[in-house]
C-alpha atoms as a PDB file:
ATOM      1  CA  UNK A   1     -54.462  29.699-109.481  1.00  0.00           C
ATOM      2  CA  UNK A   2     -57.808  30.066-107.972  1.00  0.00           C
ATOM      3  CA  UNK A   3     -59.202  33.321-106.690  1.00  0.00           C
ATOM      4  CA  UNK A   4     -59.264  31.877-103.182  1.00  0.00           C
ATOM      5  CA  UNK A   5     -55.462  31.278-103.134  1.00  0.00           C
ATOM      6  CA  UNK A   6     -54.745  34.740-104.558  1.00  0.00           C
ATOM      7  CA  UNK A   7     -57.031  36.347-101.944  1.00  0.00           C
ATOM      8  CA  UNK A   8     -55.418  34.315 -99.147  1.00  0.00           C
ATOM      9  CA  UNK A   9     -51.938  35.352-100.329  1.00  0.00           C
ATOM     10  CA  UNK A  10     -52.912  39.043-100.410  1.00  0.00           C
ATOM     11  CA  UNK A  11     -54.547  38.905 -96.947  1.00  0.00           C
ATOM     12  CA  UNK A  12     -51.529  37.045 -95.498  1.00  0.00           C
ATOM     13  CA  UNK A  13     -49.190  39.637 -96.986  1.00  0.00           C
ATOM     14  CA  UNK A  14     -51.242  42.501 -95.518  1.00  0.00           C
ATOM     15  CA  UNK A  15     -51.211  40.845 -92.093  1.00  0.00           C
ATOM     16  CA  UNK A  16     -47.415  40.440 -92.237  1.00  0.00           C
ATOM     17  CA  UNK A  17     -46.998  44.092 -93.286  1.00  0.00           C
ATOM     18  CA  UNK A  18     -49.332  45.247 -90.462  1.00  0.00           C
ATOM     19  CA  UNK A  19     -47.369  43.236 -87.891  1.00  0.00           C
ATOM     20  CA  UNK A  20     -44.043  44.588 -89.182  1.00  0.00           C
ATOM     21  CA  UNK A  21     -45.321  48.184 -89.042  1.00  0.00           C
ATOM     22  CA  UNK A  22     -46.655  47.634 -85.500  1.00  0.00           C
ATOM     23  CA  UNK A  23     -43.350  46.202 -84.285  1.00  0.00           C
ATOM     24  CA  UNK A  24     -41.460  49.039 -85.969  1.00  0.00           C
ATOM     25  CA  UNK A  25     -43.623  51.709 -84.328  1.00  0.00           C
ATOM     26  CA  UNK A  26     -43.320  50.015 -80.928  1.00  0.00           C
ATOM     27  CA  UNK A  27     -39.525  49.833 -81.257  1.00  0.00           C
ATOM     28  CA  UNK A  28     -39.284  53.446 -82.483  1.00  0.00           C
ATOM     29  CA  UNK A  29     -41.429  54.667 -79.565  1.00  0.00           C
ATOM     30  CA  UNK A  30     -39.262  52.821 -77.038  1.00  0.00           C
ATOM     31  CA  UNK A  31     -36.065  54.171 -78.603  1.00  0.00           C
ATOM     32  CA  UNK A  32     -37.485  57.707 -78.468  1.00  0.00           C
ATOM     33  CA  UNK A  33     -38.447  57.229 -74.805  1.00  0.00           C
ATOM     34  CA  UNK A  34     -34.896  56.050 -74.073  1.00  0.00           C
ATOM     35  CA  UNK A  35     -33.493  59.087 -75.875  1.00  0.00           C
ATOM     36  CA  UNK A  36     -35.803  61.325 -73.827  1.00  0.00           C
ATOM     37  CA  UNK A  37     -34.315  60.066 -70.562  1.00  0.00           C
ATOM     38  CA  UNK A  38     -30.811  60.306 -71.992  1.00  0.00           C
ATOM     39  CA  UNK A  39     -31.458  63.885 -73.155  1.00  0.00           C
ATOM     40  CA  UNK A  40     -33.002  64.791 -69.788  1.00  0.00           C
ATOM     41  CA  UNK A  41     -29.974  63.370 -67.964  1.00  0.00           C
ATOM     42  CA  UNK A  42     -27.644  65.374 -70.222  1.00  0.00           C
ATOM     43  CA  UNK A  43     -29.667  68.525 -69.548  1.00  0.00           C
ATOM     44  CA  UNK A  44     -29.601  67.810 -65.796  1.00  0.00           C
ATOM     45  CA  UNK A  45     -25.813  67.332 -65.913  1.00  0.00           C
ATOM     46  CA  UNK A  46     -25.477  70.617 -67.828  1.00  0.00           C
ATOM     47  CA  UNK A  47     -27.611  72.376 -65.163  1.00  0.00           C
ATOM     48  CA  UNK A  48     -25.479  70.891 -62.355  1.00  0.00           C
ATOM     49  CA  UNK A  49     -22.192  71.842 -64.039  1.00  0.00           C
ATOM     50  CA  UNK A  50     -23.293  75.368 -64.979  1.00  0.00           C
ATOM     51  CA  UNK A  51     -24.367  76.100 -61.395  1.00  0.00           C
ATOM     52  CA  UNK A  52     -21.369  74.403 -59.720  1.00  0.00           C
ATOM     53  CA  UNK A  53     -23.535  71.751 -58.051  1.00  0.00           C
ATOM     54  CA  UNK A  54     -22.344  68.271 -57.098  1.00  0.00           C
ATOM     55  CA  UNK A  55     -24.808  65.400 -57.427  1.00  0.00           C
ATOM     56  CA  UNK A  56     -25.406  63.140 -54.418  1.00  0.00           C
ATOM     57  CA  UNK A  57     -27.704  60.868 -56.408  1.00  0.00           C
ATOM     58  CA  UNK A  58     -29.777  60.866 -59.594  1.00  0.00           C
ATOM     59  CA  UNK A  59     -32.980  58.902 -60.293  1.00  0.00           C
ATOM     60  CA  UNK A  60     -34.994  58.090 -63.397  1.00  0.00           C
ATOM     61  CA  UNK A  61     -38.583  58.556 -62.242  1.00  0.00           C
ATOM     62  CA  UNK A  62     -41.751  57.707 -64.180  1.00  0.00           C
ATOM     63  CA  UNK A  63     -41.702  60.789 -66.451  1.00  0.00           C
ATOM     64  CA  UNK A  64     -38.700  62.712 -65.180  1.00  0.00           C
ATOM     65  CA  UNK A  65     -35.116  62.712 -63.981  1.00  0.00           C
ATOM     66  CA  UNK A  66     -34.558  63.758 -60.350  1.00  0.00           C
ATOM     67  CA  UNK A  67     -31.252  64.925 -58.867  1.00  0.00           C
ATOM     68  CA  UNK A  68     -30.334  65.420 -55.194  1.00  0.00           C
ATOM     69  CA  UNK A  69     -27.310  67.727 -55.024  1.00  0.00           C
ATOM     70  CA  UNK A  70     -25.098  70.038 -52.963  1.00  0.00           C
ATOM     71  CA  UNK A  71     -22.503  72.766 -53.431  1.00  0.00           C
ATOM     72  CA  UNK A  72     -18.745  72.390 -52.922  1.00  0.00           C
ATOM     73  CA  UNK A  73     -18.691  73.064 -49.170  1.00  0.00           C
ATOM     74  CA  UNK A  74     -22.037  71.285 -48.572  1.00  0.00           C
ATOM     75  CA  UNK A  75     -23.603  74.421 -47.101  1.00  0.00           C
ATOM     76  CA  UNK A  76     -26.561  74.134 -49.506  1.00  0.00           C
ATOM     77  CA  UNK A  77     -28.562  71.091 -50.611  1.00  0.00           C
ATOM     78  CA  UNK A  78     -31.153  70.912 -53.346  1.00  0.00           C
ATOM     79  CA  UNK A  79     -33.477  68.826 -55.475  1.00  0.00           C
ATOM     80  CA  UNK A  80     -34.044  69.327 -59.199  1.00  0.00           C
ATOM     81  CA  UNK A  81     -36.451  67.552 -61.524  1.00  0.00           C
ATOM     82  CA  UNK A  82     -36.541  67.699 -65.318  1.00  0.00           C
ATOM     83  CA  UNK A  83     -39.539  66.413 -67.293  1.00  0.00           C
ATOM     84  CA  UNK A  84     -38.396  63.974 -69.997  1.00  0.00           C
ATOM     85  CA  UNK A  85     -41.100  65.049 -72.460  1.00  0.00           C
ATOM     86  CA  UNK A  86     -41.199  68.835 -72.063  1.00  0.00           C
ATOM     87  CA  UNK A  87     -37.696  69.509 -70.738  1.00  0.00           C
ATOM     88  CA  UNK A  88     -39.165  71.752 -68.015  1.00  0.00           C
ATOM     89  CA  UNK A  89     -36.887  71.966 -64.988  1.00  0.00           C
ATOM     90  CA  UNK A  90     -37.916  72.724 -61.426  1.00  0.00           C
ATOM     91  CA  UNK A  91     -35.530  73.004 -58.509  1.00  0.00           C
ATOM     92  CA  UNK A  92     -35.337  74.062 -54.891  1.00  0.00           C
ATOM     93  CA  UNK A  93     -32.376  74.653 -52.577  1.00  0.00           C
ATOM     94  CA  UNK A  94     -32.020  74.995 -48.831  1.00  0.00           C
ATOM     95  CA  UNK A  95     -29.232  76.212 -46.566  1.00  0.00           C
ATOM     96  CA  UNK A  96     -27.884  73.385 -44.403  1.00  0.00           C
ATOM     97  CA  UNK A  97     -27.800  73.721 -40.629  1.00  0.00           C
ATOM     98  CA  UNK A  98     -24.382  72.843 -39.161  1.00  0.00           C
ATOM     99  CA  UNK A  99     -25.654  71.650 -35.760  1.00  0.00           C
ATOM    100  CA  UNK A 100     -28.368  69.320 -37.094  1.00  0.00           C
ATOM    101  CA  UNK A 101     -27.871  65.533 -37.400  1.00  0.00           C
ATOM    102  CA  UNK A 102     -29.503  65.594 -40.830  1.00  0.00           C
ATOM    103  CA  UNK A 103     -30.678  68.128 -43.394  1.00  0.00           C
ATOM    104  CA  UNK A 104     -33.619  67.836 -45.746  1.00  0.00           C
ATOM    105  CA  UNK A 105     -35.084  69.704 -48.692  1.00  0.00           C
ATOM    106  CA  UNK A 106     -38.591  69.351 -50.164  1.00  0.00           C
ATOM    107  CA  UNK A 107     -39.522  69.656 -53.842  1.00  0.00           C
ATOM    108  CA  UNK A 108     -43.215  69.716 -54.783  1.00  0.00           C
ATOM    109  CA  UNK A 109     -44.112  68.897 -58.391  1.00  0.00           C
ATOM    110  CA  UNK A 110     -47.834  68.708 -59.193  1.00  0.00           C
ATOM    111  CA  UNK A 111     -49.211  65.904 -56.979  1.00  0.00           C
ATOM    112  CA  UNK A 112     -45.775  64.510 -56.039  1.00  0.00           C
ATOM    113  CA  UNK A 113     -43.460  65.518 -53.252  1.00  0.00           C
ATOM    114  CA  UNK A 114     -39.787  64.571 -53.014  1.00  0.00           C
ATOM    115  CA  UNK A 115     -37.892  64.856 -49.734  1.00  0.00           C
ATOM    116  CA  UNK A 116     -34.107  64.686 -50.046  1.00  0.00           C
ATOM    117  CA  UNK A 117     -32.399  63.732 -46.767  1.00  0.00           C
ATOM    118  CA  UNK A 118     -28.664  64.181 -46.107  1.00  0.00           C
ATOM    119  CA  UNK A 119     -27.527  62.237 -43.015  1.00  0.00           C
ATOM    120  CA  UNK A 120     -24.623  64.008 -41.320  1.00  0.00           C
ATOM    121  CA  UNK A 121     -24.332  62.570 -37.811  1.00  0.00           C
ATOM    122  CA  UNK A 122     -23.615  58.833 -37.496  1.00  0.00           C
ATOM    123  CA  UNK A 123     -25.175  57.842 -40.851  1.00  0.00           C
ATOM    124  CA  UNK A 124     -23.878  54.299 -40.328  1.00  0.00           C
ATOM    125  CA  UNK A 125     -26.306  53.932 -37.368  1.00  0.00           C
ATOM    126  CA  UNK A 126     -29.368  55.085 -39.323  1.00  0.00           C
ATOM    127  CA  UNK A 127     -31.260  52.093 -40.709  1.00  0.00           C
ATOM    128  CA  UNK A 128     -34.679  53.671 -41.319  1.00  0.00           C
ATOM    129  CA  UNK A 129     -36.250  57.039 -41.963  1.00  0.00           C
ATOM    130  CA  UNK A 130     -39.785  57.533 -40.669  1.00  0.00           C
ATOM    131  CA  UNK A 131     -42.170  60.090 -42.097  1.00  0.00           C
ATOM    132  CA  UNK A 132     -44.876  60.933 -39.535  1.00  0.00           C
ATOM    133  CA  UNK A 133     -48.012  62.853 -40.435  1.00  0.00           C
ATOM    134  CA  UNK A 134     -51.399  63.597 -38.927  1.00  0.00           C
ATOM    135  CA  UNK A 135     -52.724  60.029 -39.271  1.00  0.00           C
ATOM    136  CA  UNK A 136     -49.932  58.532 -41.359  1.00  0.00           C
ATOM    137  CA  UNK A 137     -46.584  56.983 -40.505  1.00  0.00           C
ATOM    138  CA  UNK A 138     -44.290  55.293 -43.008  1.00  0.00           C
ATOM    139  CA  UNK A 139     -40.820  53.786 -42.612  1.00  0.00           C
ATOM    140  CA  UNK A 140     -38.186  53.726 -45.363  1.00  0.00           C
ATOM    141  CA  UNK A 141     -35.195  51.353 -45.298  1.00  0.00           C
ATOM    142  CA  UNK A 142     -32.095  53.484 -45.824  1.00  0.00           C
ATOM    143  CA  UNK A 143     -29.192  51.285 -44.720  1.00  0.00           C
ATOM    144  CA  UNK A 144     -29.619  47.512 -44.614  1.00  0.00           C
ATOM    145  CA  UNK A 145     -27.845  46.294 -41.439  1.00  0.00           C
ATOM    146  CA  UNK A 146     -26.750  43.108 -43.254  1.00  0.00           C
ATOM    147  CA  UNK A 147     -24.685  45.153 -45.710  1.00  0.00           C
ATOM    148  CA  UNK A 148     -21.435  46.679 -44.446  1.00  0.00           C
ATOM    149  CA  UNK A 149     -21.603  49.877 -46.486  1.00  0.00           C
ATOM    150  CA  UNK A 150     -24.012  52.700 -45.757  1.00  0.00           C
ATOM    151  CA  UNK A 151     -25.517  55.671 -47.537  1.00  0.00           C
ATOM    152  CA  UNK A 152     -25.588  59.269 -46.387  1.00  0.00           C
ATOM    153  CA  UNK A 153     -28.420  60.418 -48.668  1.00  0.00           C
ATOM    154  CA  UNK A 154     -31.937  59.236 -49.402  1.00  0.00           C
ATOM    155  CA  UNK A 155     -34.842  60.572 -51.453  1.00  0.00           C
ATOM    156  CA  UNK A 156     -38.409  59.913 -50.286  1.00  0.00           C
ATOM    157  CA  UNK A 157     -41.122  60.057 -52.943  1.00  0.00           C
ATOM    158  CA  UNK A 158     -44.656  60.597 -51.678  1.00  0.00           C
ATOM    159  CA  UNK A 159     -48.063  61.736 -52.872  1.00  0.00           C
ATOM    160  CA  UNK A 160     -48.911  62.931 -49.360  1.00  0.00           C
ATOM    161  CA  UNK A 161     -48.095  66.628 -48.990  1.00  0.00           C
ATOM    162  CA  UNK A 162     -46.115  67.473 -45.865  1.00  0.00           C
ATOM    163  CA  UNK A 163     -48.462  70.330 -44.969  1.00  0.00           C
ATOM    164  CA  UNK A 164     -49.562  70.355 -41.353  1.00  0.00           C
ATOM    165  CA  UNK A 165     -47.618  68.751 -38.538  1.00  0.00           C
ATOM    166  CA  UNK A 166     -45.209  66.333 -40.174  1.00  0.00           C
ATOM    167  CA  UNK A 167     -41.914  65.110 -38.799  1.00  0.00           C
ATOM    168  CA  UNK A 168     -38.974  63.137 -40.120  1.00  0.00           C
ATOM    169  CA  UNK A 169     -37.170  60.708 -37.822  1.00  0.00           C
ATOM    170  CA  UNK A 170     -33.983  58.689 -38.121  1.00  0.00           C
ATOM    171  CA  UNK A 171     -34.244  55.200 -36.601  1.00  0.00           C
ATOM    172  CA  UNK A 172     -31.743  52.515 -35.633  1.00  0.00           C
ATOM    173  CA  UNK A 173     -31.984  48.786 -36.448  1.00  0.00           C
ATOM    174  CA  UNK A 174     -34.472  48.294 -33.568  1.00  0.00           C
ATOM    175  CA  UNK A 175     -36.619  51.159 -34.899  1.00  0.00           C
ATOM    176  CA  UNK A 176     -35.684  53.345 -31.939  1.00  0.00           C
ATOM    177  CA  UNK A 177     -35.691  57.070 -32.724  1.00  0.00           C
ATOM    178  CA  UNK A 178     -32.197  58.564 -32.994  1.00  0.00           C
ATOM    179  CA  UNK A 179     -33.223  62.086 -34.075  1.00  0.00           C
ATOM    180  CA  UNK A 180     -36.433  63.835 -35.057  1.00  0.00           C
ATOM    181  CA  UNK A 181     -37.168  67.060 -36.907  1.00  0.00           C
ATOM    182  CA  UNK A 182     -40.325  68.913 -37.931  1.00  0.00           C
ATOM    183  CA  UNK A 183     -40.742  69.181 -41.701  1.00  0.00           C
ATOM    184  CA  UNK A 184     -40.762  72.923 -42.234  1.00  0.00           C
ATOM    185  CA  UNK A 185     -39.118  74.773 -45.067  1.00  0.00           C
END
């Protein structure tokens, strides 16, 4: 065999080994990331169970797991977030107000803000939630009128802090305001 064929065989073999190692590392990293979310969800479930909380909804966010929860008699609502990489957990709770059409709780984590909304009065009529700020207004579809079922909870994720004069409104299918509340904790 010539030196050229031997060299080509060695280079081809090295390329195949490099590709195999790259694919293996990529797969391992993705499996670890999946395990991180699974571990974070297990830790969140342990936190909920230990504290006698009942989960309304749970979300896998970009780098965390977020839970919107309540206690047995629904007199308290809360939001908890656990970081999938560090395992750090942050949570906030708020006493519900019996005479309000909806309750909300706000969790601030670094540059993110999560607003958990629990619709109590006529949730089947609420199609949108509107977050109004100083110069900002954004609508969120909560209950699609074309679908018969409806939800009683919703989590808004925003990078806009609700400092200042912010309000949260429930809207019907025609975007008419049903109820409005100032966002104060």
